[in-house]
Protein backbone atom coordinates (compact mmCIF):
# COMPACT_ATOMS: atom_id res chain seq x y z
CA UNK A 1 -83.79 -22.79 -56.28
CA UNK A 2 -83.28 -19.05 -56.39
CA UNK A 3 -80.17 -17.57 -58.04
CA UNK A 4 -78.72 -14.14 -58.73
CA UNK A 5 -76.67 -13.20 -61.77
CA UNK A 6 -74.78 -10.07 -62.89
CA UNK A 7 -77.13 -7.86 -64.88
CA UNK A 8 -76.99 -4.56 -66.79
CA UNK A 9 -78.94 -2.49 -69.28
CA UNK A 10 -76.53 -0.91 -71.74
CA UNK A 11 -77.21 1.54 -74.57
CA UNK A 12 -74.96 1.14 -77.61
CA UNK A 13 -74.51 2.88 -80.98
CA UNK A 14 -74.97 6.13 -79.07
CA UNK A 15 -73.37 9.58 -79.17
CA UNK A 16 -74.42 11.71 -76.23
CA UNK A 17 -72.71 14.81 -77.63
CA UNK A 18 -75.31 14.82 -80.41
CA UNK A 19 -78.11 13.46 -78.16
CA UNK A 20 -78.06 10.15 -80.03
CA UNK A 21 -79.35 7.67 -77.44
CA UNK A 22 -78.74 4.42 -79.33
CA UNK A 23 -80.30 1.04 -78.63
CA UNK A 24 -80.65 -0.58 -75.18
CA UNK A 25 -80.02 -4.24 -74.42
CA UNK A 26 -80.31 -6.06 -71.14
CA UNK A 27 -77.30 -8.33 -70.50
CA UNK A 28 -77.35 -11.27 -68.06
CA UNK A 29 -74.32 -13.45 -67.26
CA UNK A 30 -75.55 -16.96 -66.43
CA UNK A 31 -73.65 -19.90 -64.97
CA UNK A 32 -75.17 -22.24 -67.58
CA UNK A 33 -77.62 -22.18 -70.48
CA UNK A 34 -81.30 -22.16 -69.52
CA UNK A 35 -84.22 -23.59 -71.45
CA UNK A 36 -85.59 -21.67 -74.43
CA UNK A 37 -88.85 -21.10 -72.59
CA UNK A 38 -87.05 -19.64 -69.56
CA UNK A 39 -84.87 -17.37 -71.66
CA UNK A 40 -87.91 -16.13 -73.56
CA UNK A 41 -89.90 -15.53 -70.38
CA UNK A 42 -87.07 -13.40 -68.94
CA UNK A 43 -86.85 -11.34 -72.13
CA UNK A 44 -90.62 -10.89 -72.17
CA UNK A 45 -90.56 -9.71 -68.56
CA UNK A 46 -87.72 -7.23 -69.15
CA UNK A 47 -89.33 -5.75 -72.31
CA UNK A 48 -86.05 -4.50 -73.78
CA UNK A 49 -85.48 -4.46 -77.55
CA UNK A 50 -83.07 -7.33 -76.85
CA UNK A 51 -82.03 -9.33 -73.82
CA UNK A 52 -78.55 -10.82 -74.22
CA UNK A 53 -77.68 -14.01 -72.34
CA UNK A 54 -74.06 -15.04 -71.80
CA UNK A 55 -72.38 -18.05 -70.20
CA UNK A 56 -68.77 -19.17 -70.23
CA UNK A 57 -67.25 -21.99 -72.28
CA UNK A 58 -64.21 -23.96 -71.09
CA UNK A 59 -62.01 -21.29 -72.72
CA UNK A 60 -61.24 -18.32 -70.49
CA UNK A 61 -62.18 -15.59 -72.96
CA UNK A 62 -65.03 -17.36 -74.81
CA UNK A 63 -68.72 -16.95 -74.06
CA UNK A 64 -71.81 -18.53 -75.56
CA UNK A 65 -74.38 -15.90 -76.48
CA UNK A 66 -78.08 -15.80 -77.32
CA UNK A 67 -80.46 -12.90 -77.89
CA UNK A 68 -84.20 -12.65 -77.31
CA UNK A 69 -86.68 -9.89 -78.12
CA UNK A 70 -89.80 -9.73 -75.94
CA UNK A 71 -91.67 -11.89 -78.47
CA UNK A 72 -89.06 -14.15 -80.14
CA UNK A 73 -85.42 -15.23 -80.33
CA UNK A 74 -83.14 -13.10 -82.52
CA UNK A 75 -80.78 -14.92 -84.88
CA UNK A 76 -78.12 -12.20 -85.06
CA UNK A 77 -78.29 -9.11 -82.87
CA UNK A 78 -75.47 -6.64 -83.44
CA UNK A 79 -76.51 -4.24 -80.71
CA UNK A 80 -76.86 -7.13 -78.26
CA UNK A 81 -73.37 -8.35 -79.18
CA UNK A 82 -72.01 -4.84 -78.65
CA UNK A 83 -73.77 -4.55 -75.29
CA UNK A 84 -72.25 -7.91 -74.30
CA UNK A 85 -68.80 -6.55 -75.21
CA UNK A 86 -69.27 -3.49 -72.99
CA UNK A 87 -70.57 -5.68 -70.15
CA UNK A 88 -67.72 -8.22 -70.35
CA UNK A 89 -65.11 -5.48 -70.53
CA UNK A 90 -66.36 -4.23 -67.17
CA UNK A 91 -66.83 -7.66 -65.56
CA UNK A 92 -63.52 -9.12 -66.78
CA UNK A 93 -61.15 -6.15 -67.00
CA UNK A 94 -57.95 -8.19 -67.20
CA UNK A 95 -59.23 -10.34 -70.08
CA UNK A 96 -60.23 -7.21 -71.98
CA UNK A 97 -56.72 -5.83 -71.57
CA UNK A 98 -54.98 -9.03 -72.73
CA UNK A 99 -57.08 -11.11 -75.11
CA UNK A 100 -60.46 -9.54 -75.79
CA UNK A 101 -63.45 -11.85 -76.09
CA UNK A 102 -65.06 -14.31 -78.46
CA UNK A 103 -68.87 -14.48 -78.56
CA UNK A 104 -70.14 -17.78 -79.96
CA UNK A 105 -73.57 -18.67 -81.31
CA UNK A 106 -73.60 -21.86 -83.35
CA UNK A 107 -71.12 -21.40 -86.19
CA UNK A 108 -71.01 -17.62 -85.70
CA UNK A 109 -67.95 -16.30 -83.85
CA UNK A 110 -67.83 -12.59 -83.05
CA UNK A 111 -64.52 -11.10 -81.92
CA UNK A 112 -65.01 -8.31 -79.40
CA UNK A 113 -62.90 -5.87 -77.40
CA UNK A 114 -62.65 -2.24 -76.32
CA UNK A 115 -60.72 0.69 -77.78
CA UNK A 116 -61.20 2.82 -74.67
CA UNK A 117 -63.50 3.15 -71.66
CA UNK A 118 -66.23 4.65 -73.86
CA UNK A 119 -65.63 2.94 -77.21
CA UNK A 120 -65.93 -0.78 -77.99
CA UNK A 121 -65.93 -2.86 -81.15
CA UNK A 122 -67.07 -6.16 -82.60
CA UNK A 123 -65.71 -7.87 -85.70
CA UNK A 124 -68.28 -9.68 -87.84
CA UNK A 125 -67.05 -12.14 -90.46
CA UNK A 126 -68.83 -13.63 -93.46
CA UNK A 127 -70.05 -10.30 -94.79
CA UNK A 128 -73.56 -10.51 -96.21
CA UNK A 129 -73.58 -9.70 -99.91
CA UNK A 130 -76.54 -8.12 -101.64
CA UNK A 131 -78.13 -8.98 -104.98
CA UNK A 132 -80.06 -6.42 -106.99
CA UNK A 133 -83.62 -7.35 -107.94
CA UNK A 134 -87.06 -5.83 -108.43
CA UNK A 135 -88.84 -4.73 -105.25
CA UNK A 136 -91.87 -6.76 -104.13
CA UNK A 137 -95.24 -5.62 -105.43
CA UNK A 138 -96.77 -3.04 -103.10
CA UNK A 139 -93.55 -2.18 -101.24
CA UNK A 140 -93.10 1.32 -102.69
CA UNK A 141 -96.67 2.26 -101.83
CA UNK A 142 -96.32 0.77 -98.32
CA UNK A 143 -93.18 2.83 -97.66
CA UNK A 144 -94.63 5.95 -99.26
CA UNK A 145 -91.35 6.86 -100.99
CA UNK A 146 -89.84 6.20 -104.40
CA UNK A 147 -87.48 3.21 -104.42
CA UNK A 148 -84.27 3.88 -106.37
CA UNK A 149 -82.77 0.38 -105.99
CA UNK A 150 -83.72 -2.82 -104.17
CA UNK A 151 -81.39 -5.63 -103.08
CA UNK A 152 -82.02 -8.99 -101.43
CA UNK A 153 -79.72 -10.28 -98.68
CA UNK A 154 -79.69 -13.20 -96.23
CA UNK A 155 -81.08 -10.89 -93.55
CA UNK A 156 -82.90 -7.60 -94.05
CA UNK A 157 -83.33 -6.55 -97.68
CA UNK A 158 -81.81 -3.23 -98.76
CA UNK A 159 -84.06 -0.44 -99.99
CA UNK A 160 -82.24 2.57 -101.45
CA UNK A 161 -84.08 5.89 -101.43
CA UNK A 162 -83.10 9.09 -103.21
CA UNK A 163 -81.88 11.17 -100.26
CA UNK A 164 -81.88 11.66 -96.49
CA UNK A 165 -85.02 13.82 -96.59
CA UNK A 166 -86.98 11.00 -98.26
CA UNK A 167 -85.83 8.58 -95.58
CA UNK A 168 -86.64 10.95 -92.72
CA UNK A 169 -90.12 11.61 -94.13
CA UNK A 170 -90.94 7.94 -94.76
CA UNK A 171 -94.10 6.85 -92.91
CA UNK A 172 -94.40 3.06 -93.35
CA UNK A 173 -97.82 1.44 -93.62
CA UNK A 174 -97.13 -1.57 -91.41
CA UNK A 175 -100.44 -3.26 -92.20
CA UNK A 176 -99.51 -3.22 -95.88
CA UNK A 177 -95.94 -4.32 -95.16
CA UNK A 178 -97.17 -7.36 -93.22
CA UNK A 179 -98.82 -8.60 -96.42
CA UNK A 180 -95.37 -8.87 -98.08
CA UNK A 181 -93.37 -12.01 -97.32
CA UNK A 182 -90.11 -10.24 -96.36
CA UNK A 183 -88.92 -10.23 -92.74
CA UNK A 184 -87.39 -6.76 -92.70
CA UNK A 185 -85.81 -3.90 -94.60
CA UNK A 186 -82.62 -1.87 -94.21
CA UNK A 187 -83.85 1.34 -95.80
CA UNK A 188 -81.00 3.69 -96.64
CA UNK A 189 -79.97 6.86 -98.47
CA UNK A 190 -76.91 9.09 -98.90
CA UNK A 191 -76.24 11.39 -95.96
CA UNK A 192 -76.75 15.15 -96.22
CA UNK A 193 -74.21 15.73 -93.40
CA UNK A 194 -70.55 14.81 -92.90
CA UNK A 195 -71.13 11.06 -92.52
CA UNK A 196 -71.52 8.59 -95.39
CA UNK A 197 -75.09 7.26 -95.22
CA UNK A 198 -78.26 7.18 -93.17
CA UNK A 199 -80.63 4.29 -92.54
CA UNK A 200 -83.79 3.04 -90.87
CA UNK A 201 -84.65 -0.55 -89.92
CA UNK A 202 -88.21 -1.67 -90.61
CA UNK A 203 -89.36 -5.06 -89.24
CA UNK A 204 -93.13 -5.27 -89.80
CA UNK A 205 -93.61 -8.91 -88.76
CA UNK A 206 -92.40 -8.53 -85.14
CA UNK A 207 -93.48 -6.50 -82.14
CA UNK A 208 -90.81 -3.79 -82.54
CA UNK A 209 -91.87 -2.60 -86.06
CA UNK A 210 -88.94 -0.14 -86.28
CA UNK A 211 -85.65 -0.64 -84.46
CA UNK A 212 -83.70 2.07 -82.65
CA UNK A 213 -80.11 1.34 -83.81
CA UNK A 214 -79.32 -1.90 -85.57
CA UNK A 215 -76.07 -3.82 -85.91
CA UNK A 216 -77.56 -6.38 -88.32
CA UNK A 217 -78.57 -3.51 -90.62
CA UNK A 218 -74.96 -2.37 -90.58
CA UNK A 219 -73.98 -5.96 -91.43
CA UNK A 220 -75.61 -5.54 -94.85
CA UNK A 221 -75.16 -1.80 -95.42
CA UNK A 222 -71.44 -1.47 -94.67
CA UNK A 223 -70.49 -3.73 -97.59
CA UNK A 224 -73.14 -2.08 -99.80
CA UNK A 225 -71.93 1.48 -99.16
CA UNK A 226 -68.21 0.61 -99.05
CA UNK A 227 -68.58 -0.82 -102.55
CA UNK A 228 -70.73 2.07 -103.79
CA UNK A 229 -68.50 4.80 -102.33
CA UNK A 230 -65.12 3.08 -102.75
CA UNK A 231 -64.30 3.62 -99.05
CA UNK A 232 -63.15 1.30 -96.26
CA UNK A 233 -63.92 3.60 -93.29
CA UNK A 234 -67.55 4.63 -92.93
CA UNK A 235 -69.72 6.60 -90.53
CA UNK A 236 -73.50 6.53 -90.50
CA UNK A 237 -76.64 7.49 -88.58
CA UNK A 238 -79.91 5.68 -87.96
CA UNK A 239 -82.88 8.04 -88.17
CA UNK A 240 -85.01 6.52 -85.41
CA UNK A 241 -86.54 8.59 -82.59
CA UNK A 242 -83.67 7.57 -80.25
CA UNK A 243 -81.10 7.75 -83.04
CA UNK A 244 -78.08 5.58 -83.77
CA UNK A 245 -74.46 6.44 -84.59
CA UNK A 246 -72.00 3.97 -86.15
CA UNK A 247 -68.40 3.80 -87.24
CA UNK A 248 -67.20 0.85 -89.33
CA UNK A 249 -64.04 -0.40 -91.01
CA UNK A 250 -64.68 -2.61 -94.05
CA UNK A 251 -62.36 -5.39 -95.19
CA UNK A 252 -62.74 -8.00 -97.93
CA UNK A 253 -64.27 -10.70 -95.71
CA UNK A 254 -65.23 -8.93 -92.46
CA UNK A 255 -65.96 -5.58 -90.92
CA UNK A 256 -65.28 -3.92 -87.58
CA UNK A 257 -68.23 -2.10 -86.03
CA UNK A 258 -67.32 0.54 -83.45
CA UNK A 259 -69.68 1.98 -80.84
CA UNK A 260 -69.95 4.44 -78.00
CA UNK A 261 -72.10 3.30 -75.08
CA UNK A 262 -73.54 4.14 -71.67
CA UNK A 263 -75.27 2.28 -68.83
CA UNK A 264 -78.89 2.67 -67.76
CA UNK A 265 -78.78 0.02 -65.00
CA UNK A 266 -76.16 -2.16 -63.36
CA UNK A 267 -76.68 -4.75 -60.63
CA UNK A 268 -78.01 -8.27 -60.18
CA UNK A 269 -80.85 -10.24 -61.71
CA UNK A 270 -82.92 -12.43 -59.38
CA UNK A 271 -84.06 -15.70 -60.98
CA UNK A 272 -86.49 -18.10 -59.34
């Protein structure tokens, strides 16, 4: 049986005034969950950094959510969650005005809503804490920059470099990085501009290699920099070719991630 579903491609963590394009995610609103193989095949066909799948629960403002890259499922995808928030705010305007949304994946519940027509937010709980340790052997050489500090986390490990110039000039050796048994790195440094920090997301073991603008990197770096700087409100940039721009509000057990966004495509997805 053939079916059609609401579909969009949405760019989040953007700032068009500064030509910061952010990270695109396809978003598809299903009427029920599909098989893992079917979800993966759709994501592979669309070839977006993430394809976000949504379907409703029995609660009016709750949606199940899953994310797939072209080559694998993503456990936590901040930019996909943000794209889902933008999408749902357009599809369900009245709910956005009254209650906001809850995005559910397993035990993870993401609260989501909009501040305005161009600015949306998600609230992530269970902040990921970092633990200082020695960097893996060969990492400094593979990144080509001096490592000031190294921290492990439950997601991408934090690599602190000396300054923004070091981060911008970093040319990772991905062949060497694939020999190290770490999924990915949130590489960061103090900002040389008016924001608080800059970052890059390196994921050598998957197809993407380096992400455009990454919510899961913010999930580890917001707590790290809030603690280091003694601030609760933070702004940052991701130094990818497309660029990413983030605002965040840090609390003791959660943080609010705020994003500007824009649409690339909006219509229907044909599934057979």
